[in-house]
C-alpha atoms as a PDB file:
ATOM      1  CA  MET A   1     -26.513   0.644   9.089  1.00  0.00           C
ATOM      2  CA  THR A   2     -23.127   1.682  10.375  1.00  0.00           C
ATOM      3  CA  CYS A   3     -20.274  -0.733  10.828  1.00  0.00           C
ATOM      4  CA  ALA A   4     -18.489  -0.862  14.139  1.00  0.00           C
ATOM      5  CA  THR A   5     -15.555  -3.139  14.815  1.00  0.00           C
ATOM      6  CA  GLU A   6     -17.519  -6.403  14.969  1.00  0.00           C
ATOM      7  CA  ARG A   7     -17.807  -8.740  11.974  1.00  0.00           C
ATOM      8  CA  HIS A   8     -20.672  -8.194   9.522  1.00  0.00           C
ATOM      9  CA  ASP A   9     -21.935  -9.953   6.437  1.00  0.00           C
ATOM     10  CA  HIS A  10     -22.081  -6.566   4.751  1.00  0.00           C
ATOM     11  CA  HIS A  11     -19.781  -3.593   5.158  1.00  0.00           C
ATOM     12  CA  ASP A  12     -20.589  -0.141   3.800  1.00  0.00           C
ATOM     13  CA  VAL A  13     -17.606   2.038   2.967  1.00  0.00           C
ATOM     14  CA  TYR A  14     -19.997   4.988   2.696  1.00  0.00           C
ATOM     15  CA  ALA A  15     -21.062   4.617   6.344  1.00  0.00           C
ATOM     16  CA  ALA A  16     -19.218   7.077   8.570  1.00  0.00           C
ATOM     17  CA  GLN A  17     -18.227   4.532  11.207  1.00  0.00           C
ATOM     18  CA  CYS A  18     -17.321   1.650   8.888  1.00  0.00           C
ATOM     19  CA  PRO A  19     -13.730   0.431   9.409  1.00  0.00           C
ATOM     20  CA  CYS A  20     -13.575  -0.053   5.637  1.00  0.00           C
ATOM     21  CA  ARG A  21     -12.673   3.627   5.427  1.00  0.00           C
ATOM     22  CA  GLU A  22      -9.425   3.107   7.338  1.00  0.00           C
ATOM     23  CA  VAL A  23      -8.396   0.341   4.946  1.00  0.00           C
ATOM     24  CA  LEU A  24      -9.403   2.429   1.932  1.00  0.00           C
ATOM     25  CA  ASP A  25      -7.352   5.330   3.305  1.00  0.00           C
ATOM     26  CA  LEU A  26      -4.329   3.060   3.700  1.00  0.00           C
ATOM     27  CA  LEU A  27      -4.564   1.478   0.250  1.00  0.00           C
ATOM     28  CA  ALA A  28      -5.452   4.689  -1.598  1.00  0.00           C
ATOM     29  CA  ASN A  29      -2.310   6.335  -0.221  1.00  0.00           C
ATOM     30  CA  LYS A  30       0.256   6.781  -3.000  1.00  0.00           C
ATOM     31  CA  TRP A  31       3.152   5.376  -0.955  1.00  0.00           C
ATOM     32  CA  SER A  32       1.163   2.285   0.019  1.00  0.00           C
ATOM     33  CA  ALA A  33       0.099   1.662  -3.582  1.00  0.00           C
ATOM     34  CA  LEU A  34       3.673   2.107  -4.800  1.00  0.00           C
ATOM     35  CA  ALA A  35       5.233  -0.002  -2.016  1.00  0.00           C
ATOM     36  CA  ILE A  36       2.833  -2.857  -2.718  1.00  0.00           C
ATOM     37  CA  GLY A  37       3.692  -2.626  -6.409  1.00  0.00           C
ATOM     38  CA  ALA A  38       7.410  -2.664  -5.656  1.00  0.00           C
ATOM     39  CA  MET A  39       7.013  -5.844  -3.606  1.00  0.00           C
ATOM     40  CA  GLU A  40       5.089  -7.727  -6.299  1.00  0.00           C
ATOM     41  CA  ALA A  41       8.358  -9.158  -7.629  1.00  0.00           C
ATOM     42  CA  GLY A  42       9.246 -10.638  -4.241  1.00  0.00           C
ATOM     43  CA  PRO A  43      10.805  -9.709  -0.902  1.00  0.00           C
ATOM     44  CA  GLN A  44      12.550  -6.333  -0.760  1.00  0.00           C
ATOM     45  CA  ARG A  45      14.976  -4.746   1.642  1.00  0.00           C
ATOM     46  CA  PHE A  46      14.207  -1.276   2.984  1.00  0.00           C
ATOM     47  CA  GLY A  47      16.947   0.402   0.930  1.00  0.00           C
ATOM     48  CA  ALA A  48      15.752  -1.233  -2.292  1.00  0.00           C
ATOM     49  CA  LEU A  49      12.204  -0.067  -1.606  1.00  0.00           C
ATOM     50  CA  GLN A  50      13.388   3.463  -0.886  1.00  0.00           C
ATOM     51  CA  ARG A  51      15.365   3.580  -4.148  1.00  0.00           C
ATOM     52  CA  ARG A  52      12.410   2.212  -6.126  1.00  0.00           C
ATOM     53  CA  LEU A  53       9.952   4.684  -4.562  1.00  0.00           C
ATOM     54  CA  GLU A  54      11.835   7.774  -5.650  1.00  0.00           C
ATOM     55  CA  GLY A  55      11.078  10.743  -3.420  1.00  0.00           C
ATOM     56  CA  VAL A  56       9.861   8.880  -0.325  1.00  0.00           C
ATOM     57  CA  SER A  57      11.592   9.808   2.919  1.00  0.00           C
ATOM     58  CA  PRO A  58      12.834   7.059   5.259  1.00  0.00           C
ATOM     59  CA  LYS A  59      10.341   8.245   7.892  1.00  0.00           C
ATOM     60  CA  VAL A  60       7.352   8.058   5.546  1.00  0.00           C
ATOM     61  CA  LEU A  61       8.424   4.678   4.144  1.00  0.00           C
ATOM     62  CA  THR A  62       8.864   3.271   7.652  1.00  0.00           C
ATOM     63  CA  HIS A  63       5.403   4.536   8.647  1.00  0.00           C
ATOM     64  CA  THR A  64       3.846   3.126   5.460  1.00  0.00           C
ATOM     65  CA  LEU A  65       5.444  -0.294   5.890  1.00  0.00           C
ATOM     66  CA  ARG A  66       4.387  -0.455   9.547  1.00  0.00           C
ATOM     67  CA  ARG A  67       0.786   0.350   8.670  1.00  0.00           C
ATOM     68  CA  LEU A  68       0.771  -2.262   5.887  1.00  0.00           C
ATOM     69  CA  GLU A  69       2.263  -4.812   8.282  1.00  0.00           C
ATOM     70  CA  GLU A  70      -0.268  -3.987  11.036  1.00  0.00           C
ATOM     71  CA  ARG A  71      -3.151  -4.555   8.614  1.00  0.00           C
ATOM     72  CA  GLY A  72      -1.740  -7.858   7.338  1.00  0.00           C
ATOM     73  CA  PHE A  73      -0.673  -6.789   3.841  1.00  0.00           C
ATOM     74  CA  VAL A  74       3.082  -7.138   4.470  1.00  0.00           C
ATOM     75  CA  ASP A  75       5.329  -9.470   6.449  1.00  0.00           C
ATOM     76  CA  ARG A  76       8.537  -8.107   7.955  1.00  0.00           C
ATOM     77  CA  THR A  77      11.344 -10.650   8.445  1.00  0.00           C
ATOM     78  CA  VAL A  78      14.463  -9.846  10.442  1.00  0.00           C
ATOM     79  CA  TYR A  79      17.526 -11.972   9.696  1.00  0.00           C
ATOM     80  CA  PRO A  80      20.188 -12.191  12.439  1.00  0.00           C
ATOM     81  CA  ALA A  81      23.204 -10.831  10.631  1.00  0.00           C
ATOM     82  CA  VAL A  82      25.673  -8.017  11.004  1.00  0.00           C
ATOM     83  CA  PRO A  83      24.516  -5.574   9.856  1.00  0.00           C
ATOM     84  CA  LEU A  84      20.864  -6.422  10.553  1.00  0.00           C
ATOM     85  CA  HIS A  85      19.060  -7.711   7.460  1.00  0.00           C
ATOM     86  CA  VAL A  86      15.322  -6.927   7.187  1.00  0.00           C
ATOM     87  CA  GLU A  87      13.060  -7.884   4.304  1.00  0.00           C
ATOM     88  CA  TYR A  88       9.489  -6.911   3.523  1.00  0.00           C
ATOM     89  CA  GLU A  89       7.215  -9.224   1.574  1.00  0.00           C
ATOM     90  CA  LEU A  90       3.567  -9.226   0.536  1.00  0.00           C
ATOM     91  CA  THR A  91       1.294 -11.627   2.379  1.00  0.00           C
ATOM     92  CA  ASP A  92      -1.497 -13.475   0.573  1.00  0.00           C
ATOM     93  CA  LEU A  93      -3.745 -10.533   1.454  1.00  0.00           C
ATOM     94  CA  GLY A  94      -1.160  -8.103   0.055  1.00  0.00           C
ATOM     95  CA  ARG A  95      -0.836 -10.112  -3.148  1.00  0.00           C
ATOM     96  CA  SER A  96      -4.630 -10.119  -3.510  1.00  0.00           C
ATOM     97  CA  VAL A  97      -4.751  -6.313  -3.539  1.00  0.00           C
ATOM     98  CA  ALA A  98      -1.633  -5.908  -5.707  1.00  0.00           C
ATOM     99  CA  HIS A  99      -3.497  -6.566  -8.975  1.00  0.00           C
ATOM    100  CA  PRO A 100      -6.236  -3.949  -8.499  1.00  0.00           C
ATOM    101  CA  LEU A 101      -3.609  -1.407  -7.387  1.00  0.00           C
ATOM    102  CA  ALA A 102      -1.502  -2.242 -10.464  1.00  0.00           C
ATOM    103  CA  GLN A 103      -4.553  -1.586 -12.625  1.00  0.00           C
ATOM    104  CA  LEU A 104      -4.992   1.801 -10.963  1.00  0.00           C
ATOM    105  CA  ARG A 105      -1.304   2.715 -11.409  1.00  0.00           C
ATOM    106  CA  ASN A 106      -1.453   1.656 -15.080  1.00  0.00           C
ATOM    107  CA  TRP A 107      -4.672   3.615 -15.627  1.00  0.00           C
ATOM    108  CA  VAL A 108      -3.052   6.759 -14.221  1.00  0.00           C
ATOM    109  CA  GLU A 109      -0.010   6.346 -16.496  1.00  0.00           C
ATOM    110  CA  ASP A 110      -2.220   5.674 -19.545  1.00  0.00           C
ATOM    111  CA  HIS A 111      -4.490   8.685 -18.933  1.00  0.00           C
ATOM    112  CA  LEU A 112      -2.111  11.252 -17.452  1.00  0.00           C
ATOM    113  CA  ASP A 113      -1.968  13.310 -20.652  1.00  0.00           C
ATOM    114  CA  GLU A 114      -5.780  13.523 -20.794  1.00  0.00           C
ATOM    115  CA  ILE A 115      -5.895  14.492 -17.117  1.00  0.00           C
ATOM    116  CA  THR A 116      -3.289  17.220 -17.431  1.00  0.00           C
ATOM    117  CA  GLU A 117      -4.960  18.594 -20.594  1.00  0.00           C
ATOM    118  CA  ALA A 118      -8.200  18.951 -18.637  1.00  0.00           C
ATOM    119  CA  GLU A 119      -6.523  21.040 -15.908  1.00  0.00           C
ATOM    120  CA  PRO A 120      -7.078  24.796 -16.066  1.00  0.00           C
ATOM    121  CA  ALA A 121      -4.123  26.744 -17.470  1.00  0.00           C
END
């Protein structure tokens, strides 16, 4: 059975048309996984996120945050101040995926030496 856009009792990420794949693509992206991790401690301003995610360009971070917001993982709050003050914060859905992503990030750090040793010279 393939999943379209309607609600199902069972989704199959292996099915070509299942929307699960779009969500998996978003969450398996390194910048998404790192941004979610950076927001685990609480709301973050754009500049703080960019500093924490060393190497991310403003364009890529903006795109990542927009996609996370569109899917309901992140809330964006604009405060009327001069200069404009914007904060990004995990929603309940974002917090629910933060733990599994943290486990993945920790696994990568714990096993990086084994992974690099297995690479051909």
